[in-house]
Amino acid sequence: MTTLAFRVLGPLEAVGEGGPVPLRGPRHRAVLARLLVARGRVVPVDRLVEDLWGEPAEGAVSAVRTFVSDLRRALEPDRAPRQPARLLVTAAPGYALRAAADAVDAWRFEAALGESGRLLAQGRTLSSSTAERALGCLDGALALWRGPAYAENAGTDWARAEIHRLDELRALAVERRAEALLALGRAAEAVSDLEVHAGGRPLREDAWHLLAMALYRSGRQAEALAALRRVRATLVAELGVDPGPRLRRLEADILAHAPHLSTPLIPEATAPVRAPARELAGRGRGCRPPGDA
């Protein structure tokens, strides 16, 4: 059976041993994307028709069957005539895509993100090697993104919730990467990414907390306080609320030059030289290099 990888963190792609697989027209691609969103669960034919056309059109069911048949030929070109499909399968009352757990970039991204959370959860007992492994997981996970998730299906009701969920996980990955850099005493490296991240998510208090912390540890106290004032003004203007207790406590600690703010979990002098992201991303459960299927 040909090994296939599916990419949904950007334009939809199916990639086989010989390169990209031609997926024909937009509705063929929409059927494949809809089945990938279902994560192996059966999608009834009636649901596929509703998702593709909104209002059922004459001949829509036959059209879906044709799309599925075309996709099967593209995805399993070596399958013998009348041999049952093993990837895009028929399962009453519809179809399912039985992709392997590591065959879809979004699923690999989630696995690496989960592994990074396990590694970083060690807190003050976090070692430099463990923090580097977490950083490698996150570098590899974020490298899988080529654009917005399910980019071609952003305007559809059936993809909206999954797109939002993956976007939130991507934001979490950016923040966990900053946590790993802070733990390693590399605050200055975290600042630029956090400035873009927090600026694009003005109501996300965790992002602003990390940005202010990274600025302070980079010797930029005034800018750290300015960032906290900015998020306070935004929260008041947009929601009519003050920042939460973590942000208020951080502001007080910065003003007081609290000693714990200046101490990374792992002193910079003991942090090892960083290995290439591709190598690090392959270490540990759930972490795979971005180029692997």
C-alpha atoms as a PDB file:
ATOM      1  CA  MET A   1       0.000   0.000   0.000  1.00  0.00           C
ATOM      2  CA  THR A   2       1.379   3.407  -1.003  1.00  0.00           C
ATOM      3  CA  THR A   3       2.318   5.626   1.916  1.00  0.00           C
ATOM      4  CA  LEU A   4       0.322   8.859   1.819  1.00  0.00           C
ATOM      5  CA  ALA A   5       0.620  12.047   3.815  1.00  0.00           C
ATOM      6  CA  PHE A   6      -2.158  14.598   4.055  1.00  0.00           C
ATOM      7  CA  ARG A   7      -1.468  18.284   4.644  1.00  0.00           C
ATOM      8  CA  VAL A   8      -4.245  20.540   5.884  1.00  0.00           C
ATOM      9  CA  LEU A   9      -2.223  23.201   7.718  1.00  0.00           C
ATOM     10  CA  GLY A  10      -2.379  25.383   4.618  1.00  0.00           C
ATOM     11  CA  PRO A  11      -3.734  24.415   1.169  1.00  0.00           C
ATOM     12  CA  LEU A  12      -4.958  20.821   1.065  1.00  0.00           C
ATOM     13  CA  GLU A  13      -2.401  18.360  -0.266  1.00  0.00           C
ATOM     14  CA  ALA A  14      -2.083  14.613  -0.513  1.00  0.00           C
ATOM     15  CA  VAL A  15       1.511  13.519  -1.045  1.00  0.00           C
ATOM     16  CA  GLY A  16       2.606  10.045  -2.045  1.00  0.00           C
ATOM     17  CA  GLU A  17       5.973   8.450  -2.662  1.00  0.00           C
ATOM     18  CA  GLY A  18       6.132  10.089  -6.085  1.00  0.00           C
ATOM     19  CA  GLY A  19       5.076  13.536  -4.935  1.00  0.00           C
ATOM     20  CA  PRO A  20       1.747  15.418  -4.803  1.00  0.00           C
ATOM     21  CA  VAL A  21      -1.356  13.451  -5.752  1.00  0.00           C
ATOM     22  CA  PRO A  22      -3.698  15.211  -8.235  1.00  0.00           C
ATOM     23  CA  LEU A  23      -7.045  15.740  -6.504  1.00  0.00           C
ATOM     24  CA  ARG A  24      -8.984  17.103  -9.495  1.00  0.00           C
ATOM     25  CA  GLY A  25     -11.749  19.662  -8.853  1.00  0.00           C
ATOM     26  CA  PRO A  26     -12.771  21.764  -5.843  1.00  0.00           C
ATOM     27  CA  ARG A  27     -15.556  19.399  -4.806  1.00  0.00           C
ATOM     28  CA  HIS A  28     -13.246  16.404  -4.885  1.00  0.00           C
ATOM     29  CA  ARG A  29     -10.946  18.379  -2.595  1.00  0.00           C
ATOM     30  CA  ALA A  30     -13.863  19.401  -0.382  1.00  0.00           C
ATOM     31  CA  VAL A  31     -14.938  15.767   0.056  1.00  0.00           C
ATOM     32  CA  LEU A  32     -11.417  14.804   1.093  1.00  0.00           C
ATOM     33  CA  ALA A  33     -11.130  17.758   3.482  1.00  0.00           C
ATOM     34  CA  ARG A  34     -14.531  16.949   5.012  1.00  0.00           C
ATOM     35  CA  LEU A  35     -13.451  13.374   5.676  1.00  0.00           C
ATOM     36  CA  LEU A  36     -10.174  14.557   7.205  1.00  0.00           C
ATOM     37  CA  VAL A  37     -12.076  16.891   9.542  1.00  0.00           C
ATOM     38  CA  ALA A  38     -14.070  13.861  10.696  1.00  0.00           C
ATOM     39  CA  ARG A  39     -10.808  12.221  11.896  1.00  0.00           C
ATOM     40  CA  GLY A  40     -11.710   8.698  10.832  1.00  0.00           C
ATOM     41  CA  ARG A  41     -15.371   8.888  11.759  1.00  0.00           C
ATOM     42  CA  VAL A  42     -18.032   8.008   9.209  1.00  0.00           C
ATOM     43  CA  VAL A  43     -19.600  10.962   7.394  1.00  0.00           C
ATOM     44  CA  PRO A  44     -23.074  10.087   6.063  1.00  0.00           C
ATOM     45  CA  VAL A  45     -23.705  10.684   2.370  1.00  0.00           C
ATOM     46  CA  ASP A  46     -26.578  13.041   3.223  1.00  0.00           C
ATOM     47  CA  ARG A  47     -24.214  15.143   5.351  1.00  0.00           C
ATOM     48  CA  LEU A  48     -21.677  15.305   2.528  1.00  0.00           C
ATOM     49  CA  VAL A  49     -24.382  16.479   0.153  1.00  0.00           C
ATOM     50  CA  GLU A  50     -25.562  19.119   2.621  1.00  0.00           C
ATOM     51  CA  ASP A  51     -22.029  20.328   3.289  1.00  0.00           C
ATOM     52  CA  LEU A  52     -21.098  20.564  -0.381  1.00  0.00           C
ATOM     53  CA  TRP A  53     -24.312  22.039  -1.787  1.00  0.00           C
ATOM     54  CA  GLY A  54     -26.254  23.457   1.153  1.00  0.00           C
ATOM     55  CA  GLU A  55     -29.568  22.572  -0.445  1.00  0.00           C
ATOM     56  CA  PRO A  56     -29.633  19.075  -1.981  1.00  0.00           C
ATOM     57  CA  ALA A  57     -29.387  19.309  -5.754  1.00  0.00           C
ATOM     58  CA  GLU A  58     -30.672  16.759  -8.251  1.00  0.00           C
ATOM     59  CA  GLY A  59     -28.036  14.119  -8.783  1.00  0.00           C
ATOM     60  CA  ALA A  60     -25.999  15.248  -5.765  1.00  0.00           C
ATOM     61  CA  VAL A  61     -25.768  11.762  -4.248  1.00  0.00           C
ATOM     62  CA  SER A  62     -24.517  10.317  -7.526  1.00  0.00           C
ATOM     63  CA  ALA A  63     -22.025  13.173  -7.778  1.00  0.00           C
ATOM     64  CA  VAL A  64     -20.648  12.396  -4.310  1.00  0.00           C
ATOM     65  CA  ARG A  65     -20.195   8.763  -5.294  1.00  0.00           C
ATOM     66  CA  THR A  66     -18.319   9.874  -8.406  1.00  0.00           C
ATOM     67  CA  PHE A  67     -16.066  12.171  -6.346  1.00  0.00           C
ATOM     68  CA  VAL A  68     -15.316   9.318  -3.941  1.00  0.00           C
ATOM     69  CA  SER A  69     -14.554   6.934  -6.794  1.00  0.00           C
ATOM     70  CA  ASP A  70     -12.189   9.472  -8.385  1.00  0.00           C
ATOM     71  CA  LEU A  71     -10.469  10.090  -5.058  1.00  0.00           C
ATOM     72  CA  ARG A  72      -9.987   6.381  -4.505  1.00  0.00           C
ATOM     73  CA  ARG A  73      -8.254   6.023  -7.857  1.00  0.00           C
ATOM     74  CA  ALA A  74      -6.002   8.961  -7.020  1.00  0.00           C
ATOM     75  CA  LEU A  75      -5.193   7.878  -3.468  1.00  0.00           C
ATOM     76  CA  GLU A  76      -4.834   4.128  -4.122  1.00  0.00           C
ATOM     77  CA  PRO A  77      -3.643   3.889  -7.745  1.00  0.00           C
ATOM     78  CA  ASP A  78      -2.288   0.361  -7.256  1.00  0.00           C
ATOM     79  CA  ARG A  79      -5.554  -1.076  -5.938  1.00  0.00           C
ATOM     80  CA  ALA A  80      -6.742  -3.936  -8.130  1.00  0.00           C
ATOM     81  CA  PRO A  81     -10.223  -3.804  -9.722  1.00  0.00           C
ATOM     82  CA  ARG A  82     -12.992  -4.875  -7.345  1.00  0.00           C
ATOM     83  CA  GLN A  83     -10.558  -4.974  -4.440  1.00  0.00           C
ATOM     84  CA  PRO A  84     -12.072  -3.114  -1.442  1.00  0.00           C
ATOM     85  CA  ALA A  85     -10.593   0.288  -0.693  1.00  0.00           C
ATOM     86  CA  ARG A  86      -8.426   0.402   2.416  1.00  0.00           C
ATOM     87  CA  LEU A  87      -8.087   4.167   2.820  1.00  0.00           C
ATOM     88  CA  LEU A  88     -11.287   5.876   1.691  1.00  0.00           C
ATOM     89  CA  VAL A  89     -13.746   3.227   2.781  1.00  0.00           C
ATOM     90  CA  THR A  90     -17.482   2.750   2.473  1.00  0.00           C
ATOM     91  CA  ALA A  91     -19.099   2.428   5.887  1.00  0.00           C
ATOM     92  CA  ALA A  92     -22.852   2.770   6.292  1.00  0.00           C
ATOM     93  CA  PRO A  93     -24.360   5.277   5.997  1.00  0.00           C
ATOM     94  CA  GLY A  94     -21.477   6.991   4.182  1.00  0.00           C
ATOM     95  CA  TYR A  95     -17.702   7.125   3.949  1.00  0.00           C
ATOM     96  CA  ALA A  96     -14.652   7.406   6.183  1.00  0.00           C
ATOM     97  CA  LEU A  97     -10.980   8.104   5.624  1.00  0.00           C
ATOM     98  CA  ARG A  98      -8.830   5.598   7.526  1.00  0.00           C
ATOM     99  CA  ALA A  99      -5.600   7.585   7.591  1.00  0.00           C
ATOM    100  CA  ALA A 100      -2.800   6.565   9.941  1.00  0.00           C
ATOM    101  CA  ALA A 101      -2.293   8.646  13.074  1.00  0.00           C
ATOM    102  CA  ASP A 102       0.941  10.137  11.724  1.00  0.00           C
ATOM    103  CA  ALA A 103      -0.296  10.642   8.152  1.00  0.00           C
ATOM    104  CA  VAL A 104      -1.978  14.014   8.708  1.00  0.00           C
ATOM    105  CA  ASP A 105       0.073  17.092   9.544  1.00  0.00           C
ATOM    106  CA  ALA A 106      -2.603  18.487  11.873  1.00  0.00           C
ATOM    107  CA  TRP A 107      -2.606  15.278  13.904  1.00  0.00           C
ATOM    108  CA  ARG A 108       1.180  15.241  14.114  1.00  0.00           C
ATOM    109  CA  PHE A 109       1.086  18.890  15.191  1.00  0.00           C
ATOM    110  CA  GLU A 110      -1.290  18.045  18.033  1.00  0.00           C
ATOM    111  CA  ALA A 111       0.831  15.085  19.146  1.00  0.00           C
ATOM    112  CA  ALA A 112       3.970  17.238  19.294  1.00  0.00           C
ATOM    113  CA  LEU A 113       2.097  19.979  21.150  1.00  0.00           C
ATOM    114  CA  GLY A 114       0.890  17.454  23.701  1.00  0.00           C
ATOM    115  CA  GLU A 115       4.415  16.129  24.178  1.00  0.00           C
ATOM    116  CA  SER A 116       5.758  19.662  24.679  1.00  0.00           C
ATOM    117  CA  GLY A 117       3.165  20.257  27.387  1.00  0.00           C
ATOM    118  CA  ARG A 118       4.211  17.087  29.183  1.00  0.00           C
ATOM    119  CA  LEU A 119       7.855  18.136  29.063  1.00  0.00           C
ATOM    120  CA  LEU A 120       7.293  21.716  30.221  1.00  0.00           C
ATOM    121  CA  ALA A 121       4.962  20.665  33.044  1.00  0.00           C
ATOM    122  CA  GLN A 122       8.013  19.754  35.168  1.00  0.00           C
ATOM    123  CA  GLY A 123       8.292  23.386  36.324  1.00  0.00           C
ATOM    124  CA  ARG A 124      11.254  24.078  38.595  1.00  0.00           C
ATOM    125  CA  THR A 125      12.548  20.534  38.112  1.00  0.00           C
ATOM    126  CA  LEU A 126      12.811  21.137  34.356  1.00  0.00           C
ATOM    127  CA  SER A 127      16.287  20.289  33.057  1.00  0.00           C
ATOM    128  CA  SER A 128      18.023  22.015  30.163  1.00  0.00           C
ATOM    129  CA  SER A 129      17.862  18.879  28.025  1.00  0.00           C
ATOM    130  CA  THR A 130      14.133  18.522  28.665  1.00  0.00           C
ATOM    131  CA  ALA A 131      13.511  22.187  27.835  1.00  0.00           C
ATOM    132  CA  GLU A 132      15.500  21.760  24.625  1.00  0.00           C
ATOM    133  CA  ARG A 133      13.426  18.707  23.724  1.00  0.00           C
ATOM    134  CA  ALA A 134      10.247  20.709  24.276  1.00  0.00           C
ATOM    135  CA  LEU A 135      11.629  23.519  22.127  1.00  0.00           C
ATOM    136  CA  GLY A 136      12.487  21.038  19.394  1.00  0.00           C
ATOM    137  CA  CYS A 137       8.971  19.572  19.529  1.00  0.00           C
ATOM    138  CA  LEU A 138       7.480  23.033  19.145  1.00  0.00           C
ATOM    139  CA  ASP A 139       9.831  24.131  16.368  1.00  0.00           C
ATOM    140  CA  GLY A 140       8.946  21.004  14.421  1.00  0.00           C
ATOM    141  CA  ALA A 141       5.233  21.383  15.113  1.00  0.00           C
ATOM    142  CA  LEU A 142       5.088  25.032  14.048  1.00  0.00           C
ATOM    143  CA  ALA A 143       7.136  24.271  10.917  1.00  0.00           C
ATOM    144  CA  LEU A 144       4.255  22.096   9.698  1.00  0.00           C
ATOM    145  CA  TRP A 145       2.097  25.191   9.138  1.00  0.00           C
ATOM    146  CA  ARG A 146       2.178  26.461   5.530  1.00  0.00           C
ATOM    147  CA  GLY A 147      -0.770  28.840   5.923  1.00  0.00           C
ATOM    148  CA  PRO A 148      -4.214  28.916   7.564  1.00  0.00           C
ATOM    149  CA  ALA A 149      -5.617  25.490   8.443  1.00  0.00           C
ATOM    150  CA  TYR A 150      -8.010  24.145   5.792  1.00  0.00           C
ATOM    151  CA  ALA A 151      -7.330  27.334   3.837  1.00  0.00           C
ATOM    152  CA  GLU A 152      -9.653  26.423   0.958  1.00  0.00           C
ATOM    153  CA  ASN A 153     -12.586  25.687   3.257  1.00  0.00           C
ATOM    154  CA  ALA A 154     -12.480  28.702   5.567  1.00  0.00           C
ATOM    155  CA  GLY A 155     -15.909  29.917   4.477  1.00  0.00           C
ATOM    156  CA  THR A 156     -17.723  26.636   5.150  1.00  0.00           C
ATOM    157  CA  ASP A 157     -19.789  25.857   8.235  1.00  0.00           C
ATOM    158  CA  TRP A 158     -18.439  22.312   8.511  1.00  0.00           C
ATOM    159  CA  ALA A 159     -14.784  23.412   8.694  1.00  0.00           C
ATOM    160  CA  ARG A 160     -15.203  26.516  10.874  1.00  0.00           C
ATOM    161  CA  ALA A 161     -15.009  24.834  14.287  1.00  0.00           C
ATOM    162  CA  GLU A 162     -11.989  22.729  13.318  1.00  0.00           C
ATOM    163  CA  ILE A 163     -10.183  25.744  11.870  1.00  0.00           C
ATOM    164  CA  HIS A 164     -10.807  27.709  15.075  1.00  0.00           C
ATOM    165  CA  ARG A 165      -9.645  24.791  17.228  1.00  0.00           C
ATOM    166  CA  LEU A 166      -6.398  24.398  15.287  1.00  0.00           C
ATOM    167  CA  ASP A 167      -5.771  28.152  15.351  1.00  0.00           C
ATOM    168  CA  GLU A 168      -6.110  28.121  19.132  1.00  0.00           C
ATOM    169  CA  LEU A 169      -3.680  25.216  19.372  1.00  0.00           C
ATOM    170  CA  ARG A 170      -1.235  27.077  17.153  1.00  0.00           C
ATOM    171  CA  ALA A 171      -1.422  30.058  19.516  1.00  0.00           C
ATOM    172  CA  LEU A 172      -0.750  27.727  22.419  1.00  0.00           C
ATOM    173  CA  ALA A 173       2.282  26.318  20.577  1.00  0.00           C
ATOM    174  CA  VAL A 174       3.731  29.811  20.095  1.00  0.00           C
ATOM    175  CA  GLU A 175       3.276  30.501  23.809  1.00  0.00           C
ATOM    176  CA  ARG A 176       4.778  27.185  24.886  1.00  0.00           C
ATOM    177  CA  ARG A 177       7.771  27.876  22.648  1.00  0.00           C
ATOM    178  CA  ALA A 178       8.237  31.193  24.447  1.00  0.00           C
ATOM    179  CA  GLU A 179       7.997  29.390  27.796  1.00  0.00           C
ATOM    180  CA  ALA A 180      10.766  27.023  26.700  1.00  0.00           C
ATOM    181  CA  LEU A 181      12.990  29.917  25.627  1.00  0.00           C
ATOM    182  CA  LEU A 182      12.362  31.729  28.909  1.00  0.00           C
ATOM    183  CA  ALA A 183      13.175  28.570  30.837  1.00  0.00           C
ATOM    184  CA  LEU A 184      16.499  28.379  28.997  1.00  0.00           C
ATOM    185  CA  GLY A 185      17.377  32.013  29.729  1.00  0.00           C
ATOM    186  CA  ARG A 186      16.902  33.070  26.091  1.00  0.00           C
ATOM    187  CA  ALA A 187      14.316  35.790  26.668  1.00  0.00           C
ATOM    188  CA  ALA A 188      15.557  38.100  23.901  1.00  0.00           C
ATOM    189  CA  GLU A 189      14.847  35.390  21.312  1.00  0.00           C
ATOM    190  CA  ALA A 190      11.252  35.150  22.490  1.00  0.00           C
ATOM    191  CA  VAL A 191      10.431  38.850  22.240  1.00  0.00           C
ATOM    192  CA  SER A 192      10.011  39.292  18.489  1.00  0.00           C
ATOM    193  CA  ASP A 193       7.668  36.329  18.030  1.00  0.00           C
ATOM    194  CA  LEU A 194       5.663  37.323  21.093  1.00  0.00           C
ATOM    195  CA  GLU A 195       5.270  40.914  19.893  1.00  0.00           C
ATOM    196  CA  VAL A 196       3.670  39.673  16.672  1.00  0.00           C
ATOM    197  CA  HIS A 197       1.637  37.025  18.491  1.00  0.00           C
ATOM    198  CA  ALA A 198       0.272  39.321  21.209  1.00  0.00           C
ATOM    199  CA  GLY A 199      -0.370  42.126  18.735  1.00  0.00           C
ATOM    200  CA  GLY A 200      -2.553  39.812  16.675  1.00  0.00           C
ATOM    201  CA  ARG A 201      -4.443  38.566  19.739  1.00  0.00           C
ATOM    202  CA  PRO A 202      -4.979  41.722  21.808  1.00  0.00           C
ATOM    203  CA  LEU A 203      -7.341  40.060  24.318  1.00  0.00           C
ATOM    204  CA  ARG A 204      -5.169  36.988  25.000  1.00  0.00           C
ATOM    205  CA  GLU A 205      -3.762  37.669  28.470  1.00  0.00           C
ATOM    206  CA  ASP A 206      -1.340  34.719  28.463  1.00  0.00           C
ATOM    207  CA  ALA A 207       0.380  36.144  25.379  1.00  0.00           C
ATOM    208  CA  TRP A 208       0.818  39.555  26.995  1.00  0.00           C
ATOM    209  CA  HIS A 209       2.061  38.007  30.238  1.00  0.00           C
ATOM    210  CA  LEU A 210       4.782  36.149  28.333  1.00  0.00           C
ATOM    211  CA  LEU A 211       5.687  39.226  26.290  1.00  0.00           C
ATOM    212  CA  ALA A 212       6.053  41.415  29.376  1.00  0.00           C
ATOM    213  CA  MET A 213       8.135  38.730  31.085  1.00  0.00           C
ATOM    214  CA  ALA A 214      10.398  38.339  28.034  1.00  0.00           C
ATOM    215  CA  LEU A 215      10.857  42.103  27.737  1.00  0.00           C
ATOM    216  CA  TYR A 216      11.710  42.438  31.419  1.00  0.00           C
ATOM    217  CA  ARG A 217      14.226  39.595  31.310  1.00  0.00           C
ATOM    218  CA  SER A 218      15.779  41.226  28.240  1.00  0.00           C
ATOM    219  CA  GLY A 219      16.493  44.371  30.270  1.00  0.00           C
ATOM    220  CA  ARG A 220      13.563  46.301  28.790  1.00  0.00           C
ATOM    221  CA  GLN A 221      11.552  47.135  31.915  1.00  0.00           C
ATOM    222  CA  ALA A 222       9.895  50.267  30.498  1.00  0.00           C
ATOM    223  CA  GLU A 223       8.676  48.342  27.439  1.00  0.00           C
ATOM    224  CA  ALA A 224       7.399  45.521  29.652  1.00  0.00           C
ATOM    225  CA  LEU A 225       5.312  47.993  31.648  1.00  0.00           C
ATOM    226  CA  ALA A 226       4.127  49.660  28.435  1.00  0.00           C
ATOM    227  CA  ALA A 227       2.947  46.277  27.143  1.00  0.00           C
ATOM    228  CA  LEU A 228       0.964  45.707  30.333  1.00  0.00           C
ATOM    229  CA  ARG A 229      -0.580  49.180  30.080  1.00  0.00           C
ATOM    230  CA  ARG A 230      -1.514  48.447  26.489  1.00  0.00           C
ATOM    231  CA  VAL A 231      -3.344  45.234  27.269  1.00  0.00           C
ATOM    232  CA  ARG A 232      -5.090  46.880  30.223  1.00  0.00           C
ATOM    233  CA  ALA A 233      -6.370  49.685  27.966  1.00  0.00           C
ATOM    234  CA  THR A 234      -7.545  47.168  25.367  1.00  0.00           C
ATOM    235  CA  LEU A 235      -9.407  45.015  27.887  1.00  0.00           C
ATOM    236  CA  VAL A 236     -11.126  48.037  29.397  1.00  0.00           C
ATOM    237  CA  ALA A 237     -12.076  49.469  25.998  1.00  0.00           C
ATOM    238  CA  GLU A 238     -13.201  46.185  24.406  1.00  0.00           C
ATOM    239  CA  LEU A 239     -14.686  44.271  27.332  1.00  0.00           C
ATOM    240  CA  GLY A 240     -15.008  46.757  30.175  1.00  0.00           C
ATOM    241  CA  VAL A 241     -12.851  44.606  32.465  1.00  0.00           C
ATOM    242  CA  ASP A 242      -9.471  44.965  34.139  1.00  0.00           C
ATOM    243  CA  PRO A 243      -6.661  42.462  33.530  1.00  0.00           C
ATOM    244  CA  GLY A 244      -6.759  39.235  35.479  1.00  0.00           C
ATOM    245  CA  PRO A 245      -4.766  38.591  38.649  1.00  0.00           C
ATOM    246  CA  ARG A 246      -1.714  37.147  36.834  1.00  0.00           C
ATOM    247  CA  LEU A 247      -1.175  40.306  34.809  1.00  0.00           C
ATOM    248  CA  ARG A 248      -1.810  42.556  37.799  1.00  0.00           C
ATOM    249  CA  ARG A 249       0.644  40.557  39.906  1.00  0.00           C
ATOM    250  CA  LEU A 250       3.257  40.662  37.144  1.00  0.00           C
ATOM    251  CA  GLU A 251       2.975  44.441  36.892  1.00  0.00           C
ATOM    252  CA  ALA A 252       3.450  44.795  40.649  1.00  0.00           C
ATOM    253  CA  ASP A 253       6.434  42.424  40.563  1.00  0.00           C
ATOM    254  CA  ILE A 254       8.076  44.359  37.729  1.00  0.00           C
ATOM    255  CA  LEU A 255       7.636  47.652  39.559  1.00  0.00           C
ATOM    256  CA  ALA A 256       9.136  46.059  42.680  1.00  0.00           C
ATOM    257  CA  HIS A 257      11.966  44.347  40.753  1.00  0.00           C
ATOM    258  CA  ALA A 258      10.924  41.052  42.317  1.00  0.00           C
ATOM    259  CA  PRO A 259      13.987  38.754  42.311  1.00  0.00           C
ATOM    260  CA  HIS A 260      12.154  35.744  40.878  1.00  0.00           C
ATOM    261  CA  LEU A 261      11.389  37.613  37.627  1.00  0.00           C
ATOM    262  CA  SER A 262      15.044  37.758  36.651  1.00  0.00           C
ATOM    263  CA  THR A 263      15.784  34.083  37.226  1.00  0.00           C
ATOM    264  CA  PRO A 264      15.092  31.665  34.363  1.00  0.00           C
ATOM    265  CA  LEU A 265      14.244  28.107  35.301  1.00  0.00           C
ATOM    266  CA  ILE A 266      17.582  27.073  33.801  1.00  0.00           C
ATOM    267  CA  PRO A 267      20.501  29.531  33.986  1.00  0.00           C
ATOM    268  CA  GLU A 268      21.705  30.552  30.513  1.00  0.00           C
ATOM    269  CA  ALA A 269      25.265  29.527  31.289  1.00  0.00           C
ATOM    270  CA  THR A 270      24.236  25.895  31.697  1.00  0.00           C
ATOM    271  CA  ALA A 271      21.951  25.713  28.671  1.00  0.00           C
ATOM    272  CA  PRO A 272      23.434  23.451  25.968  1.00  0.00           C
ATOM    273  CA  VAL A 273      24.108  24.494  22.401  1.00  0.00           C
ATOM    274  CA  ARG A 274      20.875  24.113  20.523  1.00  0.00           C
ATOM    275  CA  ALA A 275      20.646  21.264  18.038  1.00  0.00           C
ATOM    276  CA  PRO A 276      18.940  21.796  14.667  1.00  0.00           C
ATOM    277  CA  ALA A 277      15.155  21.966  14.934  1.00  0.00           C
ATOM    278  CA  ARG A 278      14.705  18.987  12.591  1.00  0.00           C
ATOM    279  CA  GLU A 279      16.835  16.774  14.837  1.00  0.00           C
ATOM    280  CA  LEU A 280      15.162  17.940  18.038  1.00  0.00           C
ATOM    281  CA  ALA A 281      11.684  17.581  16.590  1.00  0.00           C
ATOM    282  CA  GLY A 282      12.312  13.901  16.064  1.00  0.00           C
ATOM    283  CA  ARG A 283      13.099  13.173  19.691  1.00  0.00           C
ATOM    284  CA  GLY A 284      10.538  12.090  22.241  1.00  0.00           C
ATOM    285  CA  ARG A 285       7.010  10.728  21.989  1.00  0.00           C
ATOM    286  CA  GLY A 286       4.799  12.693  19.616  1.00  0.00           C
ATOM    287  CA  CYS A 287       7.633  14.714  18.004  1.00  0.00           C
ATOM    288  CA  ARG A 288       8.372  14.166  14.338  1.00  0.00           C
ATOM    289  CA  PRO A 289      10.522  16.129  11.904  1.00  0.00           C
ATOM    290  CA  PRO A 290       8.327  18.391   9.761  1.00  0.00           C
ATOM    291  CA  GLY A 291       9.345  16.727   6.511  1.00  0.00           C
ATOM    292  CA  ASP A 292       8.314  13.200   7.527  1.00  0.00           C
ATOM    293  CA  ALA A 293       4.908  11.731   6.746  1.00  0.00           C
END
